[in-house]
Amino acid sequence: MNYRRLGRSNLRVSPLCLGTMMFGEQTPDEEAARIVASARDHGLNFIDTADVYNGGRSEEVVGRLLKGQRHDWVLASKIGNAVGKGPNQSHYSRQWLIRGVESSLARLDTDFMDILYLHRDYHEENLEEALWALGDLIRAGKLRSFGLSNFRGWRIAEVMRLCEKMGVPQPVVCQPYYNMLNRGPEVEILPACQHYGLGVVPYSPIAR
């Protein structure tokens, strides 16, 4: 397997990342176990989930399947989409980021995540508050790094600028919806990632 450095981070990942959006509901647990075992046997070391996938059950399944081999995997999850009806059960307040990360870690049965993606962009959000919280979570050892999912190019630039200004770690990876049927990211997102040295991990690469 030709492992690749993810952006400017020191993470080395397989060219393919195993997405687990269907784990915990559409994909039976036994089949999920076979999928993860096959991925590992073929050299994959990169797996992706999210707090919102099937009400958190995807994270629970992933946590069980990585038990005893956690350090063999680069584990990514996401936060930001609504997981409940409460006004603070989404978006990027400091309270929700810290609480959400703690909940994800409990479901994943791990002490840390290698990557936490901000799952979507909210243009009205106070990004400084979110970035301070992410910096504190990284310093506390609960996150190794963070990334941006579904962010436009200009917002990627804004995040990079703010991180530098605030003296907090910058994101290392971007996750756009990118495939042959949706080449929009080539206009501004991919150039921004190239300029800032972010790794690119597209989701739904064969469309959906």
C-alpha atoms as a PDB file:
ATOM      1  CA  MET A   1       0.000   0.000   0.000  1.00  0.00           C
ATOM      2  CA  ASN A   2       1.315   3.420  -0.968  1.00  0.00           C
ATOM      3  CA  TYR A   3       0.448   5.444   2.117  1.00  0.00           C
ATOM      4  CA  ARG A   4       0.256   9.188   1.649  1.00  0.00           C
ATOM      5  CA  ARG A   5       1.006  12.079   3.923  1.00  0.00           C
ATOM      6  CA  LEU A   6      -2.211  13.932   4.714  1.00  0.00           C
ATOM      7  CA  GLY A   7      -1.600  17.568   3.881  1.00  0.00           C
ATOM      8  CA  ARG A   8       1.074  19.093   6.092  1.00  0.00           C
ATOM      9  CA  SER A   9       0.292  16.782   8.992  1.00  0.00           C
ATOM     10  CA  ASN A  10       2.409  13.808   9.990  1.00  0.00           C
ATOM     11  CA  LEU A  11      -0.488  11.419   9.417  1.00  0.00           C
ATOM     12  CA  ARG A  12       0.100   8.718   6.800  1.00  0.00           C
ATOM     13  CA  VAL A  13      -3.100   7.364   5.307  1.00  0.00           C
ATOM     14  CA  SER A  14      -4.149   4.835   2.692  1.00  0.00           C
ATOM     15  CA  PRO A  15      -5.347   6.313  -0.633  1.00  0.00           C
ATOM     16  CA  LEU A  16      -8.841   5.018   0.186  1.00  0.00           C
ATOM     17  CA  CYS A  17     -10.780   5.950   3.304  1.00  0.00           C
ATOM     18  CA  LEU A  18     -13.531   3.647   4.572  1.00  0.00           C
ATOM     19  CA  GLY A  19     -16.789   5.559   5.001  1.00  0.00           C
ATOM     20  CA  THR A  20     -19.247   4.205   7.560  1.00  0.00           C
ATOM     21  CA  MET A  21     -22.394   6.295   7.088  1.00  0.00           C
ATOM     22  CA  MET A  22     -24.500   3.132   6.760  1.00  0.00           C
ATOM     23  CA  PHE A  23     -23.056   1.390   9.830  1.00  0.00           C
ATOM     24  CA  GLY A  24     -25.508   1.064  12.692  1.00  0.00           C
ATOM     25  CA  GLU A  25     -28.618   0.871  10.531  1.00  0.00           C
ATOM     26  CA  GLN A  26     -28.615  -0.158   6.850  1.00  0.00           C
ATOM     27  CA  THR A  27     -25.456  -2.257   7.217  1.00  0.00           C
ATOM     28  CA  PRO A  28     -25.883  -5.134   9.700  1.00  0.00           C
ATOM     29  CA  ASP A  29     -23.184  -5.338  12.364  1.00  0.00           C
ATOM     30  CA  GLU A  30     -21.893  -8.665  11.035  1.00  0.00           C
ATOM     31  CA  GLU A  31     -21.476  -7.195   7.559  1.00  0.00           C
ATOM     32  CA  ALA A  32     -19.812  -4.097   9.004  1.00  0.00           C
ATOM     33  CA  ALA A  33     -17.305  -6.364  10.755  1.00  0.00           C
ATOM     34  CA  ARG A  34     -16.533  -8.143   7.484  1.00  0.00           C
ATOM     35  CA  ILE A  35     -16.109  -4.815   5.672  1.00  0.00           C
ATOM     36  CA  VAL A  36     -13.670  -3.445   8.260  1.00  0.00           C
ATOM     37  CA  ALA A  37     -11.704  -6.714   8.375  1.00  0.00           C
ATOM     38  CA  SER A  38     -11.435  -6.806   4.578  1.00  0.00           C
ATOM     39  CA  ALA A  39     -10.353  -3.159   4.472  1.00  0.00           C
ATOM     40  CA  ARG A  40      -7.644  -3.846   7.057  1.00  0.00           C
ATOM     41  CA  ASP A  41      -6.480  -6.970   5.233  1.00  0.00           C
ATOM     42  CA  HIS A  42      -6.112  -4.928   2.034  1.00  0.00           C
ATOM     43  CA  GLY A  43      -4.008  -2.269   3.738  1.00  0.00           C
ATOM     44  CA  LEU A  44      -6.552   0.444   4.511  1.00  0.00           C
ATOM     45  CA  ASN A  45      -5.810   2.365   7.696  1.00  0.00           C
ATOM     46  CA  PHE A  46      -8.221   5.316   7.325  1.00  0.00           C
ATOM     47  CA  ILE A  47     -11.835   5.229   8.547  1.00  0.00           C
ATOM     48  CA  ASP A  48     -14.483   7.956   8.684  1.00  0.00           C
ATOM     49  CA  THR A  49     -17.715   8.371  10.652  1.00  0.00           C
ATOM     50  CA  ALA A  50     -19.805  11.188  12.181  1.00  0.00           C
ATOM     51  CA  ASP A  51     -21.810  11.923  15.305  1.00  0.00           C
ATOM     52  CA  VAL A  52     -24.980  12.320  13.235  1.00  0.00           C
ATOM     53  CA  TYR A  53     -24.755   9.038  11.317  1.00  0.00           C
ATOM     54  CA  ASN A  54     -27.714   6.924  12.427  1.00  0.00           C
ATOM     55  CA  GLY A  55     -28.070   8.743  15.708  1.00  0.00           C
ATOM     56  CA  GLY A  56     -24.508   8.006  16.803  1.00  0.00           C
ATOM     57  CA  ARG A  57     -24.800   4.274  16.206  1.00  0.00           C
ATOM     58  CA  SER A  58     -22.224   4.397  13.411  1.00  0.00           C
ATOM     59  CA  GLU A  59     -19.643   5.676  15.896  1.00  0.00           C
ATOM     60  CA  GLU A  60     -20.608   2.931  18.343  1.00  0.00           C
ATOM     61  CA  VAL A  61     -20.151   0.213  15.711  1.00  0.00           C
ATOM     62  CA  VAL A  62     -16.822   1.672  14.592  1.00  0.00           C
ATOM     63  CA  GLY A  63     -15.650   1.839  18.198  1.00  0.00           C
ATOM     64  CA  ARG A  64     -16.452  -1.822  18.771  1.00  0.00           C
ATOM     65  CA  LEU A  65     -14.803  -2.923  15.532  1.00  0.00           C
ATOM     66  CA  LEU A  66     -11.589  -1.005  16.212  1.00  0.00           C
ATOM     67  CA  LYS A  67     -11.275  -2.394  19.735  1.00  0.00           C
ATOM     68  CA  GLY A  68      -7.782  -3.781  20.212  1.00  0.00           C
ATOM     69  CA  GLN A  69      -6.509  -2.234  16.969  1.00  0.00           C
ATOM     70  CA  ARG A  70      -7.244   1.448  17.536  1.00  0.00           C
ATOM     71  CA  HIS A  71      -3.652   2.534  16.976  1.00  0.00           C
ATOM     72  CA  ASP A  72      -3.579   0.794  13.592  1.00  0.00           C
ATOM     73  CA  TRP A  73      -6.185   3.216  12.236  1.00  0.00           C
ATOM     74  CA  VAL A  74      -6.444   6.903  11.440  1.00  0.00           C
ATOM     75  CA  LEU A  75      -9.896   7.651  12.847  1.00  0.00           C
ATOM     76  CA  ALA A  76     -11.946  10.615  11.642  1.00  0.00           C
ATOM     77  CA  SER A  77     -15.339  11.781  12.827  1.00  0.00           C
ATOM     78  CA  LYS A  78     -17.429  14.895  12.277  1.00  0.00           C
ATOM     79  CA  ILE A  79     -19.482  17.376  14.276  1.00  0.00           C
ATOM     80  CA  GLY A  80     -21.825  20.243  13.454  1.00  0.00           C
ATOM     81  CA  ASN A  81     -25.021  18.847  11.988  1.00  0.00           C
ATOM     82  CA  ALA A  82     -27.999  18.735  14.338  1.00  0.00           C
ATOM     83  CA  VAL A  83     -28.160  15.642  16.545  1.00  0.00           C
ATOM     84  CA  GLY A  84     -31.256  16.798  18.456  1.00  0.00           C
ATOM     85  CA  LYS A  85     -33.921  19.495  18.610  1.00  0.00           C
ATOM     86  CA  GLY A  86     -32.202  21.640  21.216  1.00  0.00           C
ATOM     87  CA  PRO A  87     -30.879  25.054  20.136  1.00  0.00           C
ATOM     88  CA  ASN A  88     -27.348  24.103  21.164  1.00  0.00           C
ATOM     89  CA  GLN A  89     -27.254  20.598  19.693  1.00  0.00           C
ATOM     90  CA  SER A  90     -25.589  21.693  16.479  1.00  0.00           C
ATOM     91  CA  HIS A  91     -23.378  24.498  15.147  1.00  0.00           C
ATOM     92  CA  TYR A  92     -20.045  25.356  16.754  1.00  0.00           C
ATOM     93  CA  SER A  93     -20.391  26.925  20.169  1.00  0.00           C
ATOM     94  CA  ARG A  94     -17.578  26.095  22.559  1.00  0.00           C
ATOM     95  CA  GLN A  95     -20.051  24.290  24.797  1.00  0.00           C
ATOM     96  CA  TRP A  96     -21.328  22.077  21.991  1.00  0.00           C
ATOM     97  CA  LEU A  97     -17.926  21.318  20.490  1.00  0.00           C
ATOM     98  CA  ILE A  98     -16.490  20.139  23.796  1.00  0.00           C
ATOM     99  CA  ARG A  99     -19.631  18.264  24.797  1.00  0.00           C
ATOM    100  CA  GLY A 100     -20.005  16.752  21.322  1.00  0.00           C
ATOM    101  CA  VAL A 101     -16.397  15.578  21.187  1.00  0.00           C
ATOM    102  CA  GLU A 102     -16.711  13.985  24.637  1.00  0.00           C
ATOM    103  CA  SER A 103     -19.863  12.160  23.494  1.00  0.00           C
ATOM    104  CA  SER A 104     -18.214  10.964  20.276  1.00  0.00           C
ATOM    105  CA  LEU A 105     -15.165   9.712  22.161  1.00  0.00           C
ATOM    106  CA  ALA A 106     -17.437   7.755  24.497  1.00  0.00           C
ATOM    107  CA  ARG A 107     -19.304   6.155  21.587  1.00  0.00           C
ATOM    108  CA  LEU A 108     -16.043   5.393  19.792  1.00  0.00           C
ATOM    109  CA  ASP A 109     -14.576   3.996  23.024  1.00  0.00           C
ATOM    110  CA  THR A 110     -11.303   5.834  22.506  1.00  0.00           C
ATOM    111  CA  ASP A 111      -9.318   8.577  24.207  1.00  0.00           C
ATOM    112  CA  PHE A 112      -8.673  10.597  21.070  1.00  0.00           C
ATOM    113  CA  MET A 113      -9.628  11.166  17.448  1.00  0.00           C
ATOM    114  CA  ASP A 114      -7.005  11.631  14.769  1.00  0.00           C
ATOM    115  CA  ILE A 115      -9.227  14.042  12.821  1.00  0.00           C
ATOM    116  CA  LEU A 116     -12.399  15.922  13.720  1.00  0.00           C
ATOM    117  CA  TYR A 117     -14.132  17.568  10.779  1.00  0.00           C
ATOM    118  CA  LEU A 118     -16.419  20.544  11.123  1.00  0.00           C
ATOM    119  CA  HIS A 119     -19.223  18.865   9.173  1.00  0.00           C
ATOM    120  CA  ARG A 120     -20.643  21.938   7.479  1.00  0.00           C
ATOM    121  CA  ASP A 121     -20.172  25.673   7.299  1.00  0.00           C
ATOM    122  CA  TYR A 122     -22.472  28.130   9.058  1.00  0.00           C
ATOM    123  CA  HIS A 123     -21.744  31.541   7.610  1.00  0.00           C
ATOM    124  CA  GLU A 124     -23.201  33.332  10.615  1.00  0.00           C
ATOM    125  CA  GLU A 125     -21.029  31.458  13.114  1.00  0.00           C
ATOM    126  CA  ASN A 126     -18.351  33.054  15.269  1.00  0.00           C
ATOM    127  CA  LEU A 127     -15.426  31.026  13.957  1.00  0.00           C
ATOM    128  CA  GLU A 128     -13.059  32.338  16.612  1.00  0.00           C
ATOM    129  CA  GLU A 129     -15.026  30.609  19.366  1.00  0.00           C
ATOM    130  CA  ALA A 130     -14.924  27.313  17.489  1.00  0.00           C
ATOM    131  CA  LEU A 131     -11.214  27.583  16.736  1.00  0.00           C
ATOM    132  CA  TRP A 132     -10.315  28.347  20.357  1.00  0.00           C
ATOM    133  CA  ALA A 133     -12.288  25.278  21.431  1.00  0.00           C
ATOM    134  CA  LEU A 134     -10.619  23.069  18.817  1.00  0.00           C
ATOM    135  CA  GLY A 135      -7.213  24.334  19.897  1.00  0.00           C
ATOM    136  CA  ASP A 136      -7.982  23.464  23.513  1.00  0.00           C
ATOM    137  CA  LEU A 137      -9.193  19.985  22.521  1.00  0.00           C
ATOM    138  CA  ILE A 138      -5.986  19.397  20.560  1.00  0.00           C
ATOM    139  CA  ARG A 139      -3.839  20.571  23.479  1.00  0.00           C
ATOM    140  CA  ALA A 140      -5.810  18.295  25.801  1.00  0.00           C
ATOM    141  CA  GLY A 141      -4.939  15.321  23.586  1.00  0.00           C
ATOM    142  CA  LYS A 142      -8.543  14.556  22.657  1.00  0.00           C
ATOM    143  CA  LEU A 143      -7.987  15.528  19.029  1.00  0.00           C
ATOM    144  CA  ARG A 144      -4.854  15.061  16.991  1.00  0.00           C
ATOM    145  CA  SER A 145      -5.991  17.502  14.296  1.00  0.00           C
ATOM    146  CA  PHE A 146      -9.083  18.944  12.652  1.00  0.00           C
ATOM    147  CA  GLY A 147     -10.468  19.416   9.168  1.00  0.00           C
ATOM    148  CA  LEU A 148     -13.220  21.161   7.225  1.00  0.00           C
ATOM    149  CA  SER A 149     -16.084  19.451   5.416  1.00  0.00           C
ATOM    150  CA  ASN A 150     -18.341  21.255   2.933  1.00  0.00           C
ATOM    151  CA  PHE A 151     -16.540  24.598   3.332  1.00  0.00           C
ATOM    152  CA  ARG A 152     -16.207  26.971   0.392  1.00  0.00           C
ATOM    153  CA  GLY A 153     -12.788  28.147  -0.743  1.00  0.00           C
ATOM    154  CA  TRP A 154     -13.113  31.627   0.748  1.00  0.00           C
ATOM    155  CA  ARG A 155     -14.123  30.176   4.106  1.00  0.00           C
ATOM    156  CA  ILE A 156     -11.118  27.853   4.058  1.00  0.00           C
ATOM    157  CA  ALA A 157      -8.971  30.945   3.555  1.00  0.00           C
ATOM    158  CA  GLU A 158     -10.743  32.703   6.426  1.00  0.00           C
ATOM    159  CA  VAL A 159     -10.178  29.763   8.784  1.00  0.00           C
ATOM    160  CA  MET A 160      -6.489  29.602   7.879  1.00  0.00           C
ATOM    161  CA  ARG A 161      -6.121  33.349   8.451  1.00  0.00           C
ATOM    162  CA  LEU A 162      -7.873  33.258  11.807  1.00  0.00           C
ATOM    163  CA  CYS A 163      -5.853  30.289  13.046  1.00  0.00           C
ATOM    164  CA  GLU A 164      -2.620  32.076  12.221  1.00  0.00           C
ATOM    165  CA  LYS A 165      -3.837  35.271  13.877  1.00  0.00           C
ATOM    166  CA  MET A 166      -5.012  33.447  17.012  1.00  0.00           C
ATOM    167  CA  GLY A 167      -2.011  31.135  17.295  1.00  0.00           C
ATOM    168  CA  VAL A 168      -4.069  27.939  17.205  1.00  0.00           C
ATOM    169  CA  PRO A 169      -3.460  24.838  15.053  1.00  0.00           C
ATOM    170  CA  GLN A 170      -4.658  25.122  11.470  1.00  0.00           C
ATOM    171  CA  PRO A 171      -6.809  22.470   9.769  1.00  0.00           C
ATOM    172  CA  VAL A 172      -4.906  19.751   7.934  1.00  0.00           C
ATOM    173  CA  VAL A 173      -7.578  18.374   5.595  1.00  0.00           C
ATOM    174  CA  CYS A 174     -10.655  19.340   3.606  1.00  0.00           C
ATOM    175  CA  GLN A 175     -13.536  17.011   2.723  1.00  0.00           C
ATOM    176  CA  PRO A 176     -15.566  18.221  -0.284  1.00  0.00           C
ATOM    177  CA  TYR A 177     -18.308  16.446  -2.201  1.00  0.00           C
ATOM    178  CA  TYR A 178     -16.276  15.751  -5.338  1.00  0.00           C
ATOM    179  CA  ASN A 179     -16.606  13.257  -8.175  1.00  0.00           C
ATOM    180  CA  MET A 180     -16.877  13.130 -11.962  1.00  0.00           C
ATOM    181  CA  LEU A 181     -20.491  14.301 -11.798  1.00  0.00           C
ATOM    182  CA  ASN A 182     -19.751  17.143  -9.404  1.00  0.00           C
ATOM    183  CA  ARG A 183     -16.544  18.936 -10.345  1.00  0.00           C
ATOM    184  CA  GLY A 184     -17.441  22.220  -8.691  1.00  0.00           C
ATOM    185  CA  PRO A 185     -14.645  21.938  -6.102  1.00  0.00           C
ATOM    186  CA  GLU A 186     -12.125  22.348  -8.940  1.00  0.00           C
ATOM    187  CA  VAL A 187     -13.127  26.015  -9.214  1.00  0.00           C
ATOM    188  CA  GLU A 188     -12.133  27.270  -5.765  1.00  0.00           C
ATOM    189  CA  ILE A 189     -11.969  24.547  -3.101  1.00  0.00           C
ATOM    190  CA  LEU A 190      -9.135  22.473  -4.566  1.00  0.00           C
ATOM    191  CA  PRO A 191      -7.042  25.555  -5.443  1.00  0.00           C
ATOM    192  CA  ALA A 192      -7.481  26.799  -1.870  1.00  0.00           C
ATOM    193  CA  CYS A 193      -6.402  23.423  -0.484  1.00  0.00           C
ATOM    194  CA  GLN A 194      -3.367  23.368  -2.740  1.00  0.00           C
ATOM    195  CA  HIS A 195      -2.422  26.909  -1.746  1.00  0.00           C
ATOM    196  CA  TYR A 196      -2.664  26.210   1.988  1.00  0.00           C
ATOM    197  CA  GLY A 197      -1.290  22.674   1.915  1.00  0.00           C
ATOM    198  CA  LEU A 198      -4.465  20.932   3.053  1.00  0.00           C
ATOM    199  CA  GLY A 199      -5.034  17.287   2.262  1.00  0.00           C
ATOM    200  CA  VAL A 200      -8.166  16.521   0.236  1.00  0.00           C
ATOM    201  CA  VAL A 201     -10.394  13.572   1.132  1.00  0.00           C
ATOM    202  CA  PRO A 202     -13.475  13.688  -1.138  1.00  0.00           C
ATOM    203  CA  TYR A 203     -16.675  12.016  -0.037  1.00  0.00           C
ATOM    204  CA  SER A 204     -18.993  10.113  -2.402  1.00  0.00           C
ATOM    205  CA  PRO A 205     -16.157   9.870  -4.973  1.00  0.00           C
ATOM    206  CA  ILE A 206     -18.210   7.624  -7.270  1.00  0.00           C
ATOM    207  CA  ALA A 207     -21.278   9.883  -6.915  1.00  0.00           C
ATOM    208  CA  ARG A 208     -24.561   8.965  -5.259  1.00  0.00           C
END
